[in-house]
Amino acid sequence: MLKLVMSTRNRMKALRARRDRGATAAEYALIVAVVIAAIAGLVTAFAAAIGANFAQVTGLL
């Protein structure tokens, strides 16, 4: 009986370990998505500012 309990316990531990790895991958994917969105926002903001500066310089010339 003890052997059956230990076997079941080991299987449950193995299943939990598999789920943890999947959750970690999903968390990394979420972090990457947030970083990409932040970079895209910054690039867009800087592009608008740089475009305005070039327009001002062109107007002065």
PDB file of N, CA and C in Angstrom:
ATOM      1  N   MET A   1       0.824  -1.190   0.000  1.00  0.00           N
ATOM      2  CA  MET A   1       0.000   0.000   0.000  1.00  0.00           C
ATOM      3  C   MET A   1       0.876   1.265   0.000  1.00  0.00           C
ATOM      4  N   LEU A   2       1.932   1.235   0.781  1.00  0.00           N
ATOM      5  CA  LEU A   2       2.837   2.380   0.843  1.00  0.00           C
ATOM      6  C   LEU A   2       3.481   2.632  -0.521  1.00  0.00           C
ATOM      7  N   LYS A   3       3.775   1.552  -1.222  1.00  0.00           N
ATOM      8  CA  LYS A   3       4.386   1.689  -2.541  1.00  0.00           C
ATOM      9  C   LYS A   3       3.434   2.395  -3.513  1.00  0.00           C
ATOM     10  N   LEU A   4       2.155   2.095  -3.442  1.00  0.00           N
ATOM     11  CA  LEU A   4       1.153   2.734  -4.295  1.00  0.00           C
ATOM     12  C   LEU A   4       1.030   4.228  -3.964  1.00  0.00           C
ATOM     13  N   VAL A   5       1.024   4.565  -2.700  1.00  0.00           N
ATOM     14  CA  VAL A   5       0.924   5.960  -2.277  1.00  0.00           C
ATOM     15  C   VAL A   5       2.142   6.745  -2.751  1.00  0.00           C
ATOM     16  N   MET A   6       3.315   6.174  -2.582  1.00  0.00           N
ATOM     17  CA  MET A   6       4.535   6.863  -3.010  1.00  0.00           C
ATOM     18  C   MET A   6       4.588   7.036  -4.526  1.00  0.00           C
ATOM     19  N   SER A   7       4.132   6.022  -5.246  1.00  0.00           N
ATOM     20  CA  SER A   7       4.112   6.114  -6.705  1.00  0.00           C
ATOM     21  C   SER A   7       3.171   7.219  -7.164  1.00  0.00           C
ATOM     22  N   THR A   8       1.995   7.288  -6.558  1.00  0.00           N
ATOM     23  CA  THR A   8       1.031   8.329  -6.899  1.00  0.00           C
ATOM     24  C   THR A   8       1.583   9.710  -6.552  1.00  0.00           C
ATOM     25  N   ARG A   9       2.236   9.807  -5.434  1.00  0.00           N
ATOM     26  CA  ARG A   9       2.816  11.076  -5.003  1.00  0.00           C
ATOM     27  C   ARG A   9       3.895  11.549  -5.986  1.00  0.00           C
ATOM     28  N   ASN A  10       4.729  10.620  -6.432  1.00  0.00           N
ATOM     29  CA  ASN A  10       5.778  10.965  -7.391  1.00  0.00           C
ATOM     30  C   ASN A  10       5.191  11.406  -8.730  1.00  0.00           C
ATOM     31  N   ARG A  11       4.123  10.759  -9.146  1.00  0.00           N
ATOM     32  CA  ARG A  11       3.478  11.155 -10.400  1.00  0.00           C
ATOM     33  C   ARG A  11       2.899  12.564 -10.291  1.00  0.00           C
ATOM     34  N   MET A  12       2.298  12.881  -9.163  1.00  0.00           N
ATOM     35  CA  MET A  12       1.732  14.214  -8.963  1.00  0.00           C
ATOM     36  C   MET A  12       2.827  15.281  -8.983  1.00  0.00           C
ATOM     37  N   LYS A  13       3.965  14.977  -8.376  1.00  0.00           N
ATOM     38  CA  LYS A  13       5.088  15.919  -8.401  1.00  0.00           C
ATOM     39  C   LYS A  13       5.571  16.149  -9.828  1.00  0.00           C
ATOM     40  N   ALA A  14       5.626  15.084 -10.614  1.00  0.00           N
ATOM     41  CA  ALA A  14       6.077  15.193 -12.002  1.00  0.00           C
ATOM     42  C   ALA A  14       5.109  16.051 -12.810  1.00  0.00           C
ATOM     43  N   LEU A  15       3.819  15.877 -12.586  1.00  0.00           N
ATOM     44  CA  LEU A  15       2.834  16.688 -13.304  1.00  0.00           C
ATOM     45  C   LEU A  15       2.944  18.158 -12.924  1.00  0.00           C
ATOM     46  N   ARG A  16       3.155  18.449 -11.656  1.00  0.00           N
ATOM     47  CA  ARG A  16       3.306  19.835 -11.226  1.00  0.00           C
ATOM     48  C   ARG A  16       4.545  20.461 -11.841  1.00  0.00           C
ATOM     49  N   ALA A  17       5.605  19.706 -11.938  1.00  0.00           N
ATOM     50  CA  ALA A  17       6.850  20.229 -12.516  1.00  0.00           C
ATOM     51  C   ALA A  17       6.640  20.585 -13.985  1.00  0.00           C
ATOM     52  N   ARG A  18       5.886  19.782 -14.706  1.00  0.00           N
ATOM     53  CA  ARG A  18       5.620  20.079 -16.112  1.00  0.00           C
ATOM     54  C   ARG A  18       4.813  21.350 -16.253  1.00  0.00           C
ATOM     55  N   ARG A  19       3.822  21.527 -15.399  1.00  0.00           N
ATOM     56  CA  ARG A  19       2.994  22.727 -15.478  1.00  0.00           C
ATOM     57  C   ARG A  19       3.804  23.973 -15.162  1.00  0.00           C
ATOM     58  N   ASP A  20       4.731  23.894 -14.248  1.00  0.00           N
ATOM     59  CA  ASP A  20       5.549  25.061 -13.892  1.00  0.00           C
ATOM     60  C   ASP A  20       6.389  25.519 -15.074  1.00  0.00           C
ATOM     61  N   ARG A  21       6.914  24.586 -15.824  1.00  0.00           N
ATOM     62  CA  ARG A  21       7.715  24.970 -16.973  1.00  0.00           C
ATOM     63  C   ARG A  21       6.861  25.680 -18.017  1.00  0.00           C
ATOM     64  N   GLY A  22       5.653  25.227 -18.229  1.00  0.00           N
ATOM     65  CA  GLY A  22       4.770  25.865 -19.195  1.00  0.00           C
ATOM     66  C   GLY A  22       4.393  27.275 -18.755  1.00  0.00           C
ATOM     67  N   ALA A  23       4.151  27.449 -17.480  1.00  0.00           N
ATOM     68  CA  ALA A  23       3.790  28.770 -16.970  1.00  0.00           C
ATOM     69  C   ALA A  23       4.963  29.734 -17.122  1.00  0.00           C
ATOM     70  N   THR A  24       6.156  29.246 -16.919  1.00  0.00           N
ATOM     71  CA  THR A  24       7.338  30.095 -17.055  1.00  0.00           C
ATOM     72  C   THR A  24       7.475  30.580 -18.496  1.00  0.00           C
ATOM     73  N   ALA A  25       7.251  29.697 -19.446  1.00  0.00           N
ATOM     74  CA  ALA A  25       7.342  30.082 -20.853  1.00  0.00           C
ATOM     75  C   ALA A  25       6.283  31.128 -21.183  1.00  0.00           C
ATOM     76  N   ALA A  26       5.093  30.967 -20.648  1.00  0.00           N
ATOM     77  CA  ALA A  26       4.029  31.939 -20.901  1.00  0.00           C
ATOM     78  C   ALA A  26       4.373  33.293 -20.270  1.00  0.00           C
ATOM     79  N   GLU A  27       4.970  33.265 -19.109  1.00  0.00           N
ATOM     80  CA  GLU A  27       5.362  34.522 -18.463  1.00  0.00           C
ATOM     81  C   GLU A  27       6.437  35.234 -19.265  1.00  0.00           C
ATOM     82  N   TYR A  28       7.403  34.487 -19.766  1.00  0.00           N
ATOM     83  CA  TYR A  28       8.443  35.110 -20.593  1.00  0.00           C
ATOM     84  C   TYR A  28       7.843  35.698 -21.862  1.00  0.00           C
ATOM     85  N   ALA A  29       6.902  35.018 -22.458  1.00  0.00           N
ATOM     86  CA  ALA A  29       6.259  35.525 -23.667  1.00  0.00           C
ATOM     87  C   ALA A  29       5.514  36.822 -23.367  1.00  0.00           C
ATOM     88  N   LEU A  30       4.870  36.888 -22.215  1.00  0.00           N
ATOM     89  CA  LEU A  30       4.163  38.104 -21.835  1.00  0.00           C
ATOM     90  C   LEU A  30       5.133  39.267 -21.617  1.00  0.00           C
ATOM     91  N   ILE A  31       6.256  38.996 -20.975  1.00  0.00           N
ATOM     92  CA  ILE A  31       7.262  40.033 -20.754  1.00  0.00           C
ATOM     93  C   ILE A  31       7.811  40.541 -22.081  1.00  0.00           C
ATOM     94  N   VAL A  32       8.090  39.633 -23.000  1.00  0.00           N
ATOM     95  CA  VAL A  32       8.606  40.026 -24.318  1.00  0.00           C
ATOM     96  C   VAL A  32       7.583  40.883 -25.046  1.00  0.00           C
ATOM     97  N   ALA A  33       6.309  40.521 -24.955  1.00  0.00           N
ATOM     98  CA  ALA A  33       5.261  41.301 -25.623  1.00  0.00           C
ATOM     99  C   ALA A  33       5.172  42.711 -25.048  1.00  0.00           C
ATOM    100  N   VAL A  34       5.293  42.848 -23.742  1.00  0.00           N
ATOM    101  CA  VAL A  34       5.240  44.171 -23.111  1.00  0.00           C
ATOM    102  C   VAL A  34       6.449  45.008 -23.519  1.00  0.00           C
ATOM    103  N   VAL A  35       7.619  44.407 -23.559  1.00  0.00           N
ATOM    104  CA  VAL A  35       8.830  45.133 -23.957  1.00  0.00           C
ATOM    105  C   VAL A  35       8.721  45.588 -25.407  1.00  0.00           C
ATOM    106  N   ILE A  36       8.224  44.734 -26.270  1.00  0.00           N
ATOM    107  CA  ILE A  36       8.066  45.109 -27.685  1.00  0.00           C
ATOM    108  C   ILE A  36       7.076  46.255 -27.829  1.00  0.00           C
ATOM    109  N   ALA A  37       5.979  46.203 -27.081  1.00  0.00           N
ATOM    110  CA  ALA A  37       4.988  47.286 -27.146  1.00  0.00           C
ATOM    111  C   ALA A  37       5.591  48.597 -26.660  1.00  0.00           C
ATOM    112  N   ALA A  38       6.399  48.541 -25.604  1.00  0.00           N
ATOM    113  CA  ALA A  38       7.036  49.755 -25.090  1.00  0.00           C
ATOM    114  C   ALA A  38       8.017  50.329 -26.108  1.00  0.00           C
ATOM    115  N   ILE A  39       8.794  49.482 -26.726  1.00  0.00           N
ATOM    116  CA  ILE A  39       9.756  49.949 -27.730  1.00  0.00           C
ATOM    117  C   ILE A  39       9.020  50.565 -28.919  1.00  0.00           C
ATOM    118  N   ALA A  40       7.943  49.932 -29.348  1.00  0.00           N
ATOM    119  CA  ALA A  40       7.171  50.471 -30.472  1.00  0.00           C
ATOM    120  C   ALA A  40       6.595  51.842 -30.122  1.00  0.00           C
ATOM    121  N   GLY A  41       6.121  51.995 -28.898  1.00  0.00           N
ATOM    122  CA  GLY A  41       5.592  53.293 -28.472  1.00  0.00           C
ATOM    123  C   GLY A  41       6.660  54.361 -28.444  1.00  0.00           C
ATOM    124  N   LEU A  42       7.845  54.029 -27.942  1.00  0.00           N
ATOM    125  CA  LEU A  42       8.944  54.994 -27.896  1.00  0.00           C
ATOM    126  C   LEU A  42       9.411  55.390 -29.292  1.00  0.00           C
ATOM    127  N   VAL A  43       9.512  54.419 -30.166  1.00  0.00           N
ATOM    128  CA  VAL A  43       9.945  54.713 -31.538  1.00  0.00           C
ATOM    129  C   VAL A  43       8.932  55.627 -32.219  1.00  0.00           C
ATOM    130  N   THR A  44       7.661  55.362 -32.004  1.00  0.00           N
ATOM    131  CA  THR A  44       6.622  56.208 -32.599  1.00  0.00           C
ATOM    132  C   THR A  44       6.701  57.631 -32.051  1.00  0.00           C
ATOM    133  N   ALA A  45       6.887  57.759 -30.754  1.00  0.00           N
ATOM    134  CA  ALA A  45       6.975  59.091 -30.141  1.00  0.00           C
ATOM    135  C   ALA A  45       8.200  59.849 -30.647  1.00  0.00           C
ATOM    136  N   PHE A  46       9.343  59.177 -30.712  1.00  0.00           N
ATOM    137  CA  PHE A  46      10.544  59.839 -31.195  1.00  0.00           C
ATOM    138  C   PHE A  46      10.442  60.178 -32.676  1.00  0.00           C
ATOM    139  N   ALA A  47       9.795  59.342 -33.452  1.00  0.00           N
ATOM    140  CA  ALA A  47       9.648  59.613 -34.882  1.00  0.00           C
ATOM    141  C   ALA A  47       8.835  60.881 -35.092  1.00  0.00           C
ATOM    142  N   ALA A  48       7.785  61.054 -34.310  1.00  0.00           N
ATOM    143  CA  ALA A  48       6.966  62.266 -34.450  1.00  0.00           C
ATOM    144  C   ALA A  48       7.771  63.505 -34.055  1.00  0.00           C
ATOM    145  N   ALA A  49       8.542  63.407 -32.986  1.00  0.00           N
ATOM    146  CA  ALA A  49       9.346  64.547 -32.529  1.00  0.00           C
ATOM    147  C   ALA A  49      10.440  64.886 -33.535  1.00  0.00           C
ATOM    148  N   ILE A  50      11.098  63.896 -34.052  1.00  0.00           N
ATOM    149  CA  ILE A  50      12.167  64.130 -35.030  1.00  0.00           C
ATOM    150  C   ILE A  50      11.588  64.700 -36.321  1.00  0.00           C
ATOM    151  N   GLY A  51      10.429  64.180 -36.720  1.00  0.00           N
ATOM    152  CA  GLY A  51       9.772  64.711 -37.922  1.00  0.00           C
ATOM    153  C   GLY A  51       9.413  66.175 -37.765  1.00  0.00           C
ATOM    154  N   ALA A  52       8.956  66.560 -36.596  1.00  0.00           N
ATOM    155  CA  ALA A  52       8.623  67.969 -36.349  1.00  0.00           C
ATOM    156  C   ALA A  52       9.875  68.832 -36.400  1.00  0.00           C
ATOM    157  N   ASN A  53      10.975  68.341 -35.866  1.00  0.00           N
ATOM    158  CA  ASN A  53      12.234  69.104 -35.903  1.00  0.00           C
ATOM    159  C   ASN A  53      12.731  69.278 -37.328  1.00  0.00           C
ATOM    160  N   PHE A  54      12.649  68.225 -38.132  1.00  0.00           N
ATOM    161  CA  PHE A  54      13.076  68.345 -39.545  1.00  0.00           C
ATOM    162  C   PHE A  54      12.178  69.328 -40.277  1.00  0.00           C
ATOM    163  N   ALA A  55      10.915  69.325 -40.000  1.00  0.00           N
ATOM    164  CA  ALA A  55       9.995  70.270 -40.660  1.00  0.00           C
ATOM    165  C   ALA A  55      10.350  71.710 -40.268  1.00  0.00           C
ATOM    166  N   GLN A  56      10.716  71.916 -39.010  1.00  0.00           N
ATOM    167  CA  GLN A  56      11.079  73.253 -38.561  1.00  0.00           C
ATOM    168  C   GLN A  56      12.365  73.711 -39.251  1.00  0.00           C
ATOM    169  N   VAL A  57      13.360  72.834 -39.340  1.00  0.00           N
ATOM    170  CA  VAL A  57      14.622  73.186 -40.000  1.00  0.00           C
ATOM    171  C   VAL A  57      14.396  73.456 -41.470  1.00  0.00           C
ATOM    172  N   THR A  58      13.552  72.645 -42.100  1.00  0.00           N
ATOM    173  CA  THR A  58      13.258  72.862 -43.515  1.00  0.00           C
ATOM    174  C   THR A  58      12.586  74.200 -43.729  1.00  0.00           C
ATOM    175  N   GLY A  59      11.703  74.568 -42.821  1.00  0.00           N
ATOM    176  CA  GLY A  59      11.034  75.874 -42.919  1.00  0.00           C
ATOM    177  C   GLY A  59      12.010  77.033 -42.775  1.00  0.00           C
ATOM    178  N   LEU A  60      13.017  76.862 -41.935  1.00  0.00           N
ATOM    179  CA  LEU A  60      14.010  77.924 -41.761  1.00  0.00           C
ATOM    180  C   LEU A  60      14.914  78.065 -42.963  1.00  0.00           C
ATOM    181  N   LEU A  61      15.140  76.991 -43.667  1.00  0.00           N
ATOM    182  CA  LEU A  61      16.018  77.053 -44.844  1.00  0.00           C
ATOM    183  C   LEU A  61      15.269  77.681 -45.994  1.00  0.00           C
TER     184      LEU A  61
END
